[in-house]
Amino acid sequence: MFSYSSLSDDFYLNLTLATEMELAGSRDTVLHYAEQLQKKYPDMRNFYARDKGDFVLEGDKDDGRYRWCSVEPRRISSGAVNPDSYDAALEQHHFALEVAPYALSVSPLDCEALDLLVGFDFTYRGNHNELITEALGVCPAFEKVAGMPGAKFINNEPNITLSLDEECRTQCRVSVETRTTPYHVRTGEFQEEQLSVYVTSRRYGSLDPGMNFRGALDQLDEICREVVEHYVAPSVLEPLARTIAMG
């Protein structure tokens, strides 16, 4: 079986459902939703409120492996950091979507967008942008300008977004996010920071008649797995890991 956790230092799978209308956000509804998730996953026992009416339920972060979910005025999110397996994290997201229509009055008609994000973090001390250049290269059209004498990379974050249907309602984005700033480059003082690679599949708009959230999530899951396993792992993640290991 394909091992996602072996591809980077940290791995996570996040789900986001954005709605057109504001969610039923009363005290009772939010607590009922959180209680249903806690019954399923007892380790999720830390509940708190953030600014602007956001509520979070999460597990302990001590060992770097935990689940979380959040309810915002127009968004429901679910995440698993360093899960036991990809499938275990996906099961959590399925459950979050199964409970949401009953606890928070979410309808497939009210879907603005549904996202599934697979994230990979590499811990690296140094210029992330130069690491990206060494491991992945730059666009051929930019090779000459990138080779200007004395030039240093202060930003190199490749990303592409592809449409997977004629109406552009289903899309996939592959992106890299660095944490190196011009200050780090100027001073040469680099801390251990997370370099992130994201694969996001997204479906826009209301669900088709007869389709439920589980079916929509399964479609996004299929896209993410194909993109990671056949394209991103061999062409992005493995070269990054090799380059970091060579130091």
Protein backbone atom coordinates (compact mmCIF):
# COMPACT_ATOMS: atom_id res chain seq x y z
CA MET A 1 0.00 0.00 0.00
CA PHE A 2 1.23 3.51 -0.84
CA SER A 3 2.69 5.16 2.29
CA TYR A 4 1.96 8.87 2.45
CA SER A 5 3.67 9.34 5.81
CA SER A 6 7.01 8.21 4.37
CA LEU A 7 7.09 11.01 1.79
CA SER A 8 7.87 13.91 4.16
CA ASP A 9 8.49 14.85 7.79
CA ASP A 10 4.81 15.63 8.38
CA PHE A 11 1.69 14.69 6.43
CA TYR A 12 -1.90 15.87 6.81
CA LEU A 13 -5.27 15.58 5.09
CA ASN A 14 -7.75 18.46 5.40
CA LEU A 15 -11.35 18.86 4.29
CA THR A 16 -13.18 22.18 3.85
CA LEU A 17 -16.85 22.71 3.01
CA ALA A 18 -17.70 26.34 2.21
CA THR A 19 -21.39 27.27 2.15
CA GLU A 20 -23.35 30.00 0.43
CA MET A 21 -25.49 30.71 3.51
CA GLU A 22 -24.41 31.11 7.09
CA LEU A 23 -24.50 27.92 9.12
CA ALA A 24 -26.82 27.29 12.04
CA GLY A 25 -24.35 28.56 14.60
CA SER A 26 -26.28 28.61 17.85
CA ARG A 27 -24.70 27.24 21.01
CA ASP A 28 -26.80 24.07 20.90
CA THR A 29 -26.14 23.25 17.25
CA VAL A 30 -22.38 23.77 17.41
CA LEU A 31 -22.06 21.77 20.62
CA HIS A 32 -24.21 18.97 19.21
CA TYR A 33 -21.97 18.75 16.14
CA ALA A 34 -18.82 18.71 18.31
CA GLU A 35 -20.30 16.08 20.63
CA GLN A 36 -21.05 13.76 17.70
CA LEU A 37 -17.44 13.98 16.56
CA GLN A 38 -16.12 13.45 20.07
CA LYS A 39 -18.24 10.32 20.49
CA LYS A 40 -16.69 8.92 17.34
CA TYR A 41 -13.17 10.11 18.21
CA PRO A 42 -12.78 10.41 22.02
CA ASP A 43 -9.26 11.87 21.71
CA MET A 44 -10.84 15.09 20.36
CA ARG A 45 -11.52 16.67 23.74
CA ASN A 46 -10.23 20.24 23.51
CA PHE A 47 -13.04 22.64 22.56
CA TYR A 48 -12.59 26.41 22.33
CA ALA A 49 -13.80 29.52 20.55
CA ARG A 50 -11.75 31.85 18.37
CA ASP A 51 -12.59 35.36 17.21
CA LYS A 52 -15.44 36.03 14.77
CA GLY A 53 -17.61 33.12 15.85
CA ASP A 54 -15.18 30.30 15.02
CA PHE A 55 -15.25 27.12 17.13
CA VAL A 56 -12.58 24.41 17.22
CA LEU A 57 -12.51 20.85 18.55
CA GLU A 58 -9.13 19.12 18.53
CA GLY A 59 -7.00 16.45 20.11
CA ASP A 60 -3.79 16.89 22.09
CA LYS A 61 -0.86 18.03 19.95
CA ASP A 62 1.90 16.77 22.21
CA ASP A 63 3.13 13.97 19.95
CA GLY A 64 2.47 15.79 16.66
CA ARG A 65 -0.38 13.44 15.75
CA TYR A 66 -3.93 14.72 16.21
CA ARG A 67 -7.37 15.33 14.71
CA TRP A 68 -9.21 18.63 14.57
CA CYS A 69 -12.39 20.18 13.22
CA SER A 70 -13.78 23.71 13.12
CA VAL A 71 -17.08 25.45 12.51
CA GLU A 72 -17.08 29.01 11.12
CA PRO A 73 -20.02 31.14 9.99
CA ARG A 74 -19.80 29.81 6.40
CA ARG A 75 -17.28 27.00 6.56
CA ILE A 76 -16.82 23.56 8.11
CA SER A 77 -13.32 22.07 8.24
CA SER A 78 -11.87 18.75 9.35
CA GLY A 79 -8.22 17.80 9.55
CA ALA A 80 -5.90 14.98 10.54
CA VAL A 81 -2.20 15.61 11.18
CA ASN A 82 0.13 12.62 10.81
CA PRO A 83 -2.78 10.16 10.85
CA ASP A 84 -2.30 6.42 11.12
CA SER A 85 -3.12 6.22 7.42
CA TYR A 86 -4.63 8.23 4.59
CA ASP A 87 -7.76 6.07 4.75
CA ALA A 88 -8.17 6.71 8.49
CA ALA A 89 -8.10 10.46 7.87
CA LEU A 90 -10.56 10.14 4.99
CA GLU A 91 -12.95 8.19 7.23
CA GLN A 92 -12.91 11.09 9.68
CA HIS A 93 -13.84 13.53 6.90
CA HIS A 94 -16.64 11.28 5.71
CA PHE A 95 -18.06 11.24 9.22
CA ALA A 96 -17.80 15.04 9.56
CA LEU A 97 -19.79 15.45 6.34
CA GLU A 98 -22.36 12.83 7.37
CA VAL A 99 -23.10 14.63 10.64
CA ALA A 100 -23.11 18.20 9.25
CA PRO A 101 -26.51 18.10 7.44
CA TYR A 102 -28.30 17.02 10.61
CA ALA A 103 -26.39 19.01 13.22
CA LEU A 104 -25.75 22.21 11.26
CA SER A 105 -28.56 22.16 8.64
CA VAL A 106 -26.16 21.94 5.70
CA SER A 107 -27.68 21.05 2.34
CA PRO A 108 -25.94 19.81 -0.84
CA LEU A 109 -27.70 22.73 -2.53
CA ASP A 110 -25.89 25.15 -0.20
CA CYS A 111 -22.38 24.05 -1.23
CA GLU A 112 -20.19 26.88 -2.49
CA ALA A 113 -17.05 24.72 -2.68
CA LEU A 114 -15.74 21.43 -1.33
CA ASP A 115 -11.97 21.00 -0.92
CA LEU A 116 -9.71 18.09 -0.07
CA LEU A 117 -6.10 19.06 0.64
CA VAL A 118 -3.15 16.71 1.03
CA GLY A 119 -0.23 18.50 2.67
CA PHE A 120 3.43 17.51 3.06
CA ASP A 121 5.89 19.41 5.27
CA PHE A 122 9.68 19.19 5.18
CA THR A 123 11.75 20.64 8.02
CA TYR A 124 14.72 22.49 6.55
CA ARG A 125 17.25 25.03 7.80
CA GLY A 126 18.39 27.19 4.90
CA ASN A 127 17.07 29.13 1.93
CA HIS A 128 13.87 27.30 0.95
CA ASN A 129 13.75 29.06 -2.41
CA GLU A 130 17.23 27.90 -3.39
CA LEU A 131 16.33 24.39 -2.22
CA ILE A 132 13.30 24.42 -4.54
CA THR A 133 15.51 25.56 -7.41
CA GLU A 134 18.11 22.87 -6.77
CA ALA A 135 15.58 20.06 -6.35
CA LEU A 136 12.95 21.01 -8.91
CA GLY A 137 14.60 23.57 -11.19
CA VAL A 138 12.86 26.60 -12.65
CA CYS A 139 10.68 27.13 -15.67
CA PRO A 140 12.96 26.87 -18.76
CA ALA A 141 11.95 30.37 -19.86
CA PHE A 142 13.30 31.74 -16.54
CA GLU A 143 16.60 29.84 -16.45
CA LYS A 144 18.67 32.65 -17.91
CA VAL A 145 17.31 35.36 -15.64
CA ALA A 146 17.68 33.04 -12.65
CA GLY A 147 21.37 32.67 -13.53
CA MET A 148 22.15 36.38 -13.35
CA PRO A 149 25.54 36.96 -11.63
CA GLY A 150 25.15 37.66 -7.91
CA ALA A 151 21.40 37.00 -7.87
CA LYS A 152 19.83 35.12 -4.96
CA PHE A 153 16.37 33.60 -4.79
CA ILE A 154 14.06 35.30 -2.29
CA ASN A 155 10.88 33.78 -3.71
CA ASN A 156 10.36 30.62 -5.73
CA GLU A 157 6.99 29.00 -5.05
CA PRO A 158 5.83 26.98 -8.05
CA ASN A 159 2.08 26.39 -8.36
CA ILE A 160 -0.32 25.28 -11.05
CA THR A 161 -4.10 24.91 -11.15
CA LEU A 162 -5.76 22.57 -13.63
CA SER A 163 -9.39 22.27 -14.66
CA LEU A 164 -10.59 18.68 -14.84
CA ASP A 165 -13.91 19.30 -16.60
CA GLU A 166 -15.18 21.54 -19.38
CA GLU A 167 -17.09 23.80 -16.99
CA CYS A 168 -14.04 24.31 -14.72
CA ARG A 169 -16.09 23.24 -11.70
CA THR A 170 -13.63 20.53 -10.69
CA GLN A 171 -10.07 21.70 -10.29
CA CYS A 172 -6.76 20.52 -8.91
CA ARG A 173 -3.97 22.73 -7.59
CA VAL A 174 -0.38 21.74 -6.85
CA SER A 175 1.60 24.36 -4.95
CA VAL A 176 4.74 24.88 -2.91
CA GLU A 177 4.94 27.29 0.02
CA THR A 178 8.30 28.43 1.40
CA ARG A 179 8.98 30.20 4.73
CA THR A 180 12.23 31.98 3.82
CA THR A 181 12.05 35.79 3.94
CA PRO A 182 14.34 38.50 2.50
CA TYR A 183 15.56 39.09 6.08
CA HIS A 184 16.79 35.50 6.30
CA VAL A 185 18.60 35.81 2.97
CA ARG A 186 20.12 39.21 3.87
CA THR A 187 21.44 38.09 7.27
CA GLY A 188 22.19 34.48 6.44
CA GLU A 189 20.41 33.49 9.66
CA PHE A 190 18.11 30.59 8.91
CA GLN A 191 15.92 28.75 11.41
CA GLU A 192 14.42 25.29 10.98
CA GLU A 193 11.15 26.03 9.16
CA GLN A 194 8.49 24.02 7.35
CA LEU A 195 8.58 23.88 3.56
CA SER A 196 5.13 22.78 2.39
CA VAL A 197 3.79 21.03 -0.69
CA TYR A 198 0.02 21.04 -1.19
CA VAL A 199 -2.21 19.04 -3.50
CA THR A 200 -5.78 20.38 -3.44
CA SER A 201 -8.77 19.05 -5.34
CA ARG A 202 -11.82 21.34 -5.36
CA ARG A 203 -15.37 21.13 -6.57
CA TYR A 204 -17.32 24.39 -7.00
CA GLY A 205 -21.07 24.87 -6.73
CA SER A 206 -24.09 22.95 -5.53
CA LEU A 207 -23.91 19.18 -5.76
CA ASP A 208 -25.62 17.49 -8.68
CA PRO A 209 -29.13 16.10 -8.10
CA GLY A 210 -28.88 12.73 -6.36
CA MET A 211 -25.30 13.31 -5.19
CA ASN A 212 -24.45 13.55 -1.50
CA PHE A 213 -21.37 14.89 0.24
CA ARG A 214 -19.84 11.41 0.56
CA GLY A 215 -19.98 10.90 -3.19
CA ALA A 216 -18.49 14.33 -3.85
CA LEU A 217 -15.67 13.71 -1.38
CA ASP A 218 -14.92 10.34 -2.96
CA GLN A 219 -14.45 12.04 -6.32
CA LEU A 220 -12.02 14.56 -4.83
CA ASP A 221 -10.21 11.76 -3.02
CA GLU A 222 -9.70 9.89 -6.29
CA ILE A 223 -8.17 12.99 -7.86
CA CYS A 224 -5.82 13.65 -4.94
CA ARG A 225 -4.56 10.08 -4.81
CA GLU A 226 -3.88 9.96 -8.54
CA VAL A 227 -2.06 13.30 -8.56
CA VAL A 228 0.06 12.52 -5.50
CA GLU A 229 0.93 8.93 -6.28
CA HIS A 230 1.57 9.24 -10.02
CA TYR A 231 2.88 12.79 -10.36
CA VAL A 232 3.74 14.74 -7.22
CA ALA A 233 5.47 11.98 -5.23
CA PRO A 234 8.02 11.03 -7.93
CA SER A 235 8.47 14.52 -9.42
CA VAL A 236 8.27 16.83 -6.41
CA LEU A 237 8.36 15.09 -3.02
CA GLU A 238 11.09 12.54 -3.68
CA PRO A 239 13.48 15.07 -5.31
CA LEU A 240 12.96 17.41 -2.34
CA ALA A 241 13.67 14.64 0.16
CA ARG A 242 16.82 13.58 -1.73
CA THR A 243 18.14 17.12 -1.96
CA ILE A 244 17.55 17.77 1.74
CA ALA A 245 19.25 14.48 2.67
CA MET A 246 22.30 15.41 0.58
CA GLY A 247 22.48 18.55 2.69
